Amino acid sequence: SESRACKTDPVTEIDIGGHTNLKLHIHANLKILIDGKEQLVPTNIGISSGVMRPLHTHDVSGEIHMEGPCARDFKVREFFEVWGKEFSSKCIFDKCADAGELKFSVNGAQNNEFENYVLRDGDAVRIEFSSG
């Protein structure tokens, strides 16, 4: 059924089509710092001609929009899958923990779930990498 697909399909295969008939519309903010320098989270991640993924950005504010025809949990990993970038407990982009320290925090508190963290409305997610 469509609702089961909505809850289980990979986020990279779902097209919500736009901002109508949404059962879920929440936001989180993502900040990525590499050696203290903030990295740009680009405009229109997850939005291309005629397609809008459930996880997407509209601007460079770092705000992740989580929208969909059904309520479901989205993990940080899924946003990075849509973006096409690497993030795990080991690496952010091409910066890996064997060459420095990788920290993940949510709302100011250290968190060890990294890519498996389930995003909640209003979360402030911070990924920091410091070279060794």
N, C-alpha and C. Protein backbone atom coordinates (compact mmCIF):
# COMPACT_ATOMS: atom_id res chain seq x y z
N SER A 1 0.83 -1.20 0.00
CA SER A 1 0.00 0.00 0.00
C SER A 1 0.87 1.25 0.00
N GLU A 2 0.28 2.34 -0.40
CA GLU A 2 1.02 3.59 -0.49
C GLU A 2 1.53 4.02 0.88
N SER A 3 0.71 3.83 1.92
CA SER A 3 1.14 4.29 3.24
C SER A 3 2.31 3.47 3.75
N ARG A 4 2.32 2.16 3.46
CA ARG A 4 3.45 1.36 3.90
C ARG A 4 4.70 1.79 3.16
N ALA A 5 4.57 2.04 1.87
CA ALA A 5 5.72 2.50 1.08
C ALA A 5 6.25 3.81 1.64
N CYS A 6 5.34 4.69 2.03
CA CYS A 6 5.72 5.98 2.59
C CYS A 6 6.56 5.79 3.84
N LYS A 7 6.22 4.80 4.64
CA LYS A 7 6.93 4.59 5.90
C LYS A 7 8.21 3.79 5.75
N THR A 8 8.33 3.02 4.66
CA THR A 8 9.46 2.11 4.56
C THR A 8 10.38 2.35 3.37
N ASP A 9 9.92 3.02 2.34
CA ASP A 9 10.76 3.24 1.16
C ASP A 9 11.98 4.07 1.54
N PRO A 10 13.11 3.84 0.86
CA PRO A 10 14.28 4.70 1.09
C PRO A 10 13.93 6.14 0.77
N VAL A 11 14.43 7.03 1.60
CA VAL A 11 14.11 8.45 1.45
C VAL A 11 14.56 8.97 0.09
N THR A 12 15.59 8.33 -0.48
CA THR A 12 16.10 8.76 -1.77
C THR A 12 15.19 8.34 -2.92
N GLU A 13 14.14 7.55 -2.61
CA GLU A 13 13.23 7.10 -3.67
C GLU A 13 11.84 7.70 -3.53
N ILE A 14 11.62 8.50 -2.49
CA ILE A 14 10.29 9.07 -2.27
C ILE A 14 10.25 10.48 -2.85
N ASP A 15 9.19 10.78 -3.60
CA ASP A 15 8.97 12.12 -4.11
C ASP A 15 7.68 12.65 -3.49
N ILE A 16 7.80 13.66 -2.62
CA ILE A 16 6.58 14.19 -1.99
C ILE A 16 5.88 15.19 -2.91
N GLY A 17 6.58 15.61 -3.97
CA GLY A 17 5.94 16.41 -5.01
C GLY A 17 5.74 17.87 -4.68
N GLY A 18 5.69 18.21 -3.41
CA GLY A 18 5.44 19.60 -3.06
C GLY A 18 5.00 19.70 -1.62
N HIS A 19 4.38 20.82 -1.29
CA HIS A 19 4.04 21.08 0.11
C HIS A 19 2.56 20.89 0.42
N THR A 20 1.85 20.06 -0.36
CA THR A 20 0.43 19.85 -0.10
C THR A 20 0.18 18.46 0.43
N ASN A 21 -0.92 18.30 1.15
CA ASN A 21 -1.35 17.00 1.69
C ASN A 21 -0.28 16.33 2.55
N LEU A 22 0.41 17.13 3.34
CA LEU A 22 1.46 16.56 4.17
C LEU A 22 0.92 16.18 5.54
N LYS A 23 1.32 15.01 6.01
CA LYS A 23 0.98 14.57 7.36
C LYS A 23 2.11 14.93 8.32
N LEU A 24 3.26 15.20 7.75
CA LEU A 24 4.45 15.50 8.54
C LEU A 24 5.08 16.75 7.96
N HIS A 25 5.37 17.73 8.81
CA HIS A 25 6.11 18.91 8.36
C HIS A 25 6.83 19.49 9.56
N ILE A 26 8.06 19.04 9.75
CA ILE A 26 8.86 19.49 10.88
C ILE A 26 10.23 19.94 10.37
N HIS A 27 11.00 20.55 11.24
CA HIS A 27 12.29 21.09 10.84
C HIS A 27 13.35 20.83 11.91
N ALA A 28 14.57 20.68 11.45
CA ALA A 28 15.71 20.63 12.35
C ALA A 28 16.79 21.51 11.73
N ASN A 29 17.76 21.89 12.53
CA ASN A 29 18.84 22.72 12.02
C ASN A 29 20.15 21.96 12.11
N LEU A 30 20.90 22.00 11.03
CA LEU A 30 22.17 21.28 10.95
C LEU A 30 23.32 22.27 10.82
N LYS A 31 24.30 22.14 11.71
CA LYS A 31 25.51 22.95 11.61
C LYS A 31 26.69 21.99 11.56
N ILE A 32 27.56 22.20 10.58
CA ILE A 32 28.75 21.36 10.42
C ILE A 32 29.97 22.27 10.51
N LEU A 33 30.87 21.93 11.43
CA LEU A 33 32.10 22.69 11.58
C LEU A 33 33.30 21.78 11.37
N ILE A 34 34.21 22.20 10.51
CA ILE A 34 35.44 21.46 10.30
C ILE A 34 36.59 22.38 10.66
N ASP A 35 37.33 22.00 11.68
CA ASP A 35 38.40 22.84 12.24
C ASP A 35 37.89 24.25 12.51
N GLY A 36 36.69 24.33 13.07
CA GLY A 36 36.13 25.61 13.50
C GLY A 36 35.48 26.42 12.39
N LYS A 37 35.57 25.95 11.15
CA LYS A 37 35.01 26.70 10.03
C LYS A 37 33.67 26.07 9.63
N GLU A 38 32.63 26.92 9.64
CA GLU A 38 31.31 26.40 9.30
C GLU A 38 31.23 26.03 7.82
N GLN A 39 30.66 24.85 7.58
CA GLN A 39 30.51 24.35 6.21
C GLN A 39 29.11 24.68 5.70
N LEU A 40 29.03 25.11 4.48
CA LEU A 40 27.74 25.47 3.90
C LEU A 40 26.89 24.22 3.65
N VAL A 41 25.65 24.27 4.11
CA VAL A 41 24.67 23.24 3.74
C VAL A 41 23.90 23.85 2.58
N PRO A 42 24.06 23.33 1.37
CA PRO A 42 23.55 24.03 0.18
C PRO A 42 22.03 24.14 0.09
N THR A 43 21.61 25.09 -0.71
CA THR A 43 20.20 25.25 -1.08
C THR A 43 19.75 24.06 -1.91
N ASN A 44 18.49 23.69 -1.76
CA ASN A 44 17.83 22.70 -2.63
C ASN A 44 18.46 21.31 -2.62
N ILE A 45 19.05 20.90 -1.47
CA ILE A 45 19.39 19.48 -1.32
C ILE A 45 18.05 18.75 -1.34
N GLY A 46 17.94 17.71 -2.15
CA GLY A 46 16.71 16.93 -2.21
C GLY A 46 15.64 17.52 -3.10
N ILE A 47 15.96 18.61 -3.78
CA ILE A 47 14.99 19.21 -4.71
C ILE A 47 15.66 19.32 -6.07
N SER A 48 15.04 18.67 -7.06
CA SER A 48 15.53 18.78 -8.43
C SER A 48 14.31 18.90 -9.32
N SER A 49 14.51 18.97 -10.61
CA SER A 49 13.38 19.26 -11.49
C SER A 49 12.24 18.28 -11.27
N GLY A 50 11.15 18.79 -10.72
CA GLY A 50 9.95 17.99 -10.54
C GLY A 50 9.97 17.00 -9.39
N VAL A 51 11.05 16.96 -8.61
CA VAL A 51 11.15 16.00 -7.52
C VAL A 51 11.50 16.72 -6.22
N MET A 52 10.79 16.35 -5.15
CA MET A 52 11.12 16.86 -3.83
C MET A 52 11.18 15.69 -2.86
N ARG A 53 12.34 15.47 -2.27
CA ARG A 53 12.50 14.38 -1.31
C ARG A 53 11.91 14.80 0.04
N PRO A 54 11.55 13.82 0.88
CA PRO A 54 10.97 14.16 2.19
C PRO A 54 11.93 14.99 3.05
N LEU A 55 13.23 14.78 2.86
CA LEU A 55 14.23 15.58 3.56
C LEU A 55 14.85 16.50 2.53
N HIS A 56 14.78 17.82 2.79
CA HIS A 56 15.31 18.75 1.81
C HIS A 56 15.65 20.09 2.45
N THR A 57 16.36 20.91 1.70
CA THR A 57 16.65 22.27 2.14
C THR A 57 16.10 23.23 1.10
N HIS A 58 15.78 24.44 1.56
CA HIS A 58 15.34 25.50 0.64
C HIS A 58 16.35 26.63 0.56
N ASP A 59 17.28 26.68 1.50
CA ASP A 59 18.24 27.78 1.56
C ASP A 59 19.50 27.30 2.26
N VAL A 60 20.41 28.22 2.55
CA VAL A 60 21.68 27.83 3.16
C VAL A 60 21.70 28.04 4.68
N SER A 61 20.51 28.13 5.28
CA SER A 61 20.42 28.38 6.73
C SER A 61 20.81 27.15 7.55
N GLY A 62 20.87 25.97 6.91
CA GLY A 62 21.11 24.73 7.64
C GLY A 62 19.81 24.09 8.10
N GLU A 63 18.67 24.71 7.74
CA GLU A 63 17.39 24.15 8.14
C GLU A 63 17.05 22.97 7.24
N ILE A 64 16.82 21.82 7.89
CA ILE A 64 16.39 20.62 7.18
C ILE A 64 14.87 20.54 7.31
N HIS A 65 14.18 20.48 6.19
CA HIS A 65 12.73 20.30 6.18
C HIS A 65 12.47 18.80 6.11
N MET A 66 11.60 18.32 7.00
CA MET A 66 11.19 16.91 7.00
C MET A 66 9.70 16.89 6.75
N GLU A 67 9.32 16.46 5.56
CA GLU A 67 7.93 16.53 5.15
C GLU A 67 7.54 15.22 4.50
N GLY A 68 6.28 14.86 4.63
CA GLY A 68 5.87 13.64 3.97
C GLY A 68 4.39 13.37 4.08
N PRO A 69 3.91 12.47 3.24
CA PRO A 69 2.51 12.09 3.23
C PRO A 69 2.12 11.20 4.40
N CYS A 70 3.11 10.75 5.17
CA CYS A 70 2.82 9.98 6.38
C CYS A 70 3.81 10.42 7.45
N ALA A 71 3.46 10.16 8.69
CA ALA A 71 4.40 10.44 9.78
C ALA A 71 5.39 9.30 9.85
N ARG A 72 6.64 9.61 9.85
CA ARG A 72 7.67 8.58 10.02
C ARG A 72 8.90 9.25 10.61
N ASP A 73 9.78 8.42 11.15
CA ASP A 73 11.02 8.93 11.70
C ASP A 73 12.07 9.01 10.60
N PHE A 74 12.85 10.07 10.65
CA PHE A 74 13.98 10.19 9.73
C PHE A 74 15.26 10.30 10.54
N LYS A 75 16.28 9.60 10.08
CA LYS A 75 17.58 9.63 10.75
C LYS A 75 18.50 10.60 10.01
N VAL A 76 19.48 11.09 10.76
CA VAL A 76 20.46 12.00 10.17
C VAL A 76 21.08 11.39 8.91
N ARG A 77 21.35 10.09 8.98
CA ARG A 77 21.94 9.37 7.84
C ARG A 77 21.14 9.58 6.56
N GLU A 78 19.80 9.62 6.70
CA GLU A 78 18.95 9.74 5.52
C GLU A 78 19.10 11.10 4.84
N PHE A 79 19.31 12.14 5.66
CA PHE A 79 19.55 13.45 5.05
C PHE A 79 20.84 13.42 4.24
N PHE A 80 21.89 12.79 4.80
CA PHE A 80 23.15 12.72 4.08
C PHE A 80 23.05 11.84 2.84
N GLU A 81 22.18 10.82 2.87
CA GLU A 81 21.95 10.01 1.66
C GLU A 81 21.34 10.86 0.56
N VAL A 82 20.36 11.69 0.93
CA VAL A 82 19.74 12.58 -0.06
C VAL A 82 20.79 13.57 -0.60
N TRP A 83 21.63 14.07 0.30
CA TRP A 83 22.66 15.03 -0.07
C TRP A 83 23.75 14.38 -0.92
N GLY A 84 23.96 13.07 -0.72
CA GLY A 84 25.02 12.38 -1.43
C GLY A 84 26.39 12.58 -0.79
N LYS A 85 26.38 12.83 0.53
CA LYS A 85 27.63 13.04 1.27
C LYS A 85 27.75 12.00 2.37
N GLU A 86 28.98 11.81 2.84
CA GLU A 86 29.22 10.81 3.88
C GLU A 86 29.08 11.41 5.27
N PHE A 87 28.37 10.69 6.13
CA PHE A 87 28.38 11.00 7.55
C PHE A 87 28.12 9.73 8.34
N SER A 88 29.00 9.47 9.31
CA SER A 88 28.84 8.32 10.21
C SER A 88 29.58 8.67 11.48
N SER A 89 29.63 7.74 12.40
CA SER A 89 30.40 7.96 13.64
C SER A 89 31.89 8.04 13.33
N LYS A 90 32.27 7.65 12.11
CA LYS A 90 33.68 7.64 11.72
C LYS A 90 34.08 8.87 10.89
N CYS A 91 33.18 9.36 10.04
CA CYS A 91 33.56 10.40 9.07
C CYS A 91 32.45 11.42 8.85
N ILE A 92 32.89 12.66 8.59
CA ILE A 92 32.01 13.67 8.02
C ILE A 92 32.69 14.09 6.72
N PHE A 93 31.99 13.95 5.61
CA PHE A 93 32.58 14.18 4.28
C PHE A 93 33.81 13.28 4.16
N ASP A 94 34.96 13.89 3.86
CA ASP A 94 36.18 13.08 3.72
C ASP A 94 37.07 13.21 4.96
N LYS A 95 36.52 13.78 6.04
CA LYS A 95 37.28 13.96 7.28
C LYS A 95 36.91 12.83 8.23
N CYS A 96 37.89 12.00 8.57
CA CYS A 96 37.59 10.81 9.36
C CYS A 96 38.30 10.81 10.71
N ALA A 97 37.69 10.09 11.65
CA ALA A 97 38.13 10.12 13.05
C ALA A 97 39.54 9.58 13.24
N ASP A 98 40.05 8.83 12.26
CA ASP A 98 41.43 8.35 12.40
C ASP A 98 42.42 9.50 12.22
N ALA A 99 41.93 10.64 11.72
CA ALA A 99 42.81 11.80 11.49
C ALA A 99 42.40 12.99 12.36
N GLY A 100 41.59 12.72 13.38
CA GLY A 100 41.14 13.80 14.24
C GLY A 100 40.01 13.36 15.13
N GLU A 101 39.25 14.35 15.62
CA GLU A 101 38.15 14.04 16.52
C GLU A 101 36.84 14.46 15.89
N LEU A 102 35.86 13.54 15.92
CA LEU A 102 34.54 13.80 15.36
C LEU A 102 33.54 13.81 16.51
N LYS A 103 32.80 14.92 16.62
CA LYS A 103 31.80 15.05 17.69
C LYS A 103 30.43 15.30 17.08
N PHE A 104 29.42 14.75 17.76
CA PHE A 104 28.03 14.92 17.32
C PHE A 104 27.23 15.36 18.54
N SER A 105 26.50 16.44 18.41
CA SER A 105 25.66 16.88 19.53
C SER A 105 24.29 17.31 19.03
N VAL A 106 23.33 17.19 19.93
CA VAL A 106 21.95 17.59 19.64
C VAL A 106 21.49 18.50 20.76
N ASN A 107 21.04 19.68 20.38
CA ASN A 107 20.53 20.66 21.36
C ASN A 107 21.55 20.91 22.48
N GLY A 108 22.82 20.96 22.09
CA GLY A 108 23.88 21.30 23.03
C GLY A 108 24.42 20.14 23.84
N ALA A 109 23.85 18.94 23.69
CA ALA A 109 24.32 17.78 24.46
C ALA A 109 25.02 16.79 23.55
N GLN A 110 26.18 16.29 23.99
CA GLN A 110 26.87 15.26 23.22
C GLN A 110 25.93 14.08 23.00
N ASN A 111 26.03 13.48 21.83
CA ASN A 111 25.17 12.37 21.48
C ASN A 111 26.01 11.36 20.72
N ASN A 112 25.85 10.08 21.08
CA ASN A 112 26.67 9.04 20.43
C ASN A 112 25.93 8.26 19.36
N GLU A 113 24.73 8.74 18.98
CA GLU A 113 23.98 8.03 17.94
C GLU A 113 24.44 8.39 16.54
N PHE A 114 25.07 9.55 16.38
CA PHE A 114 25.60 9.98 15.09
C PHE A 114 24.55 9.82 13.98
N GLU A 115 24.90 9.03 12.92
CA GLU A 115 24.02 8.92 11.75
C GLU A 115 22.69 8.25 12.07
N ASN A 116 22.62 7.55 13.20
CA ASN A 116 21.37 6.84 13.55
C ASN A 116 20.43 7.67 14.41
N TYR A 117 20.81 8.91 14.69
CA TYR A 117 19.95 9.77 15.50
C TYR A 117 18.67 10.09 14.73
N VAL A 118 17.53 9.94 15.40
CA VAL A 118 16.23 10.26 14.79
C VAL A 118 15.95 11.75 15.01
N LEU A 119 15.80 12.46 13.91
CA LEU A 119 15.57 13.91 13.97
C LEU A 119 14.19 14.24 14.51
N ARG A 120 14.15 15.20 15.43
CA ARG A 120 12.89 15.67 16.01
C ARG A 120 12.69 17.13 15.65
N ASP A 121 11.43 17.57 15.71
CA ASP A 121 11.13 18.95 15.37
C ASP A 121 11.90 19.90 16.27
N GLY A 122 12.58 20.86 15.68
CA GLY A 122 13.28 21.87 16.45
C GLY A 122 14.68 21.50 16.88
N ASP A 123 15.14 20.28 16.55
CA ASP A 123 16.49 19.88 16.95
C ASP A 123 17.56 20.80 16.34
N ALA A 124 18.56 21.08 17.14
CA ALA A 124 19.77 21.74 16.64
C ALA A 124 20.87 20.70 16.66
N VAL A 125 21.24 20.25 15.46
CA VAL A 125 22.23 19.18 15.31
C VAL A 125 23.56 19.81 14.91
N ARG A 126 24.61 19.39 15.59
CA ARG A 126 25.93 19.97 15.34
C ARG A 126 26.93 18.83 15.13
N ILE A 127 27.64 18.90 14.03
CA ILE A 127 28.69 17.93 13.73
C ILE A 127 30.00 18.71 13.68
N GLU A 128 30.95 18.29 14.48
CA GLU A 128 32.23 19.00 14.54
C GLU A 128 33.38 18.04 14.32
N PHE A 129 34.27 18.43 13.42
CA PHE A 129 35.48 17.66 13.21
C PHE A 129 36.68 18.55 13.50
N SER A 130 37.61 18.04 14.30
CA SER A 130 38.86 18.76 14.60
C SER A 130 40.03 17.88 14.19
N SER A 131 40.89 18.41 13.37
CA SER A 131 42.06 17.65 12.94
C SER A 131 42.95 17.34 14.13
N GLY A 132 43.66 16.22 14.03
CA GLY A 132 44.50 15.78 15.13
C GLY A 132 45.72 16.68 15.32
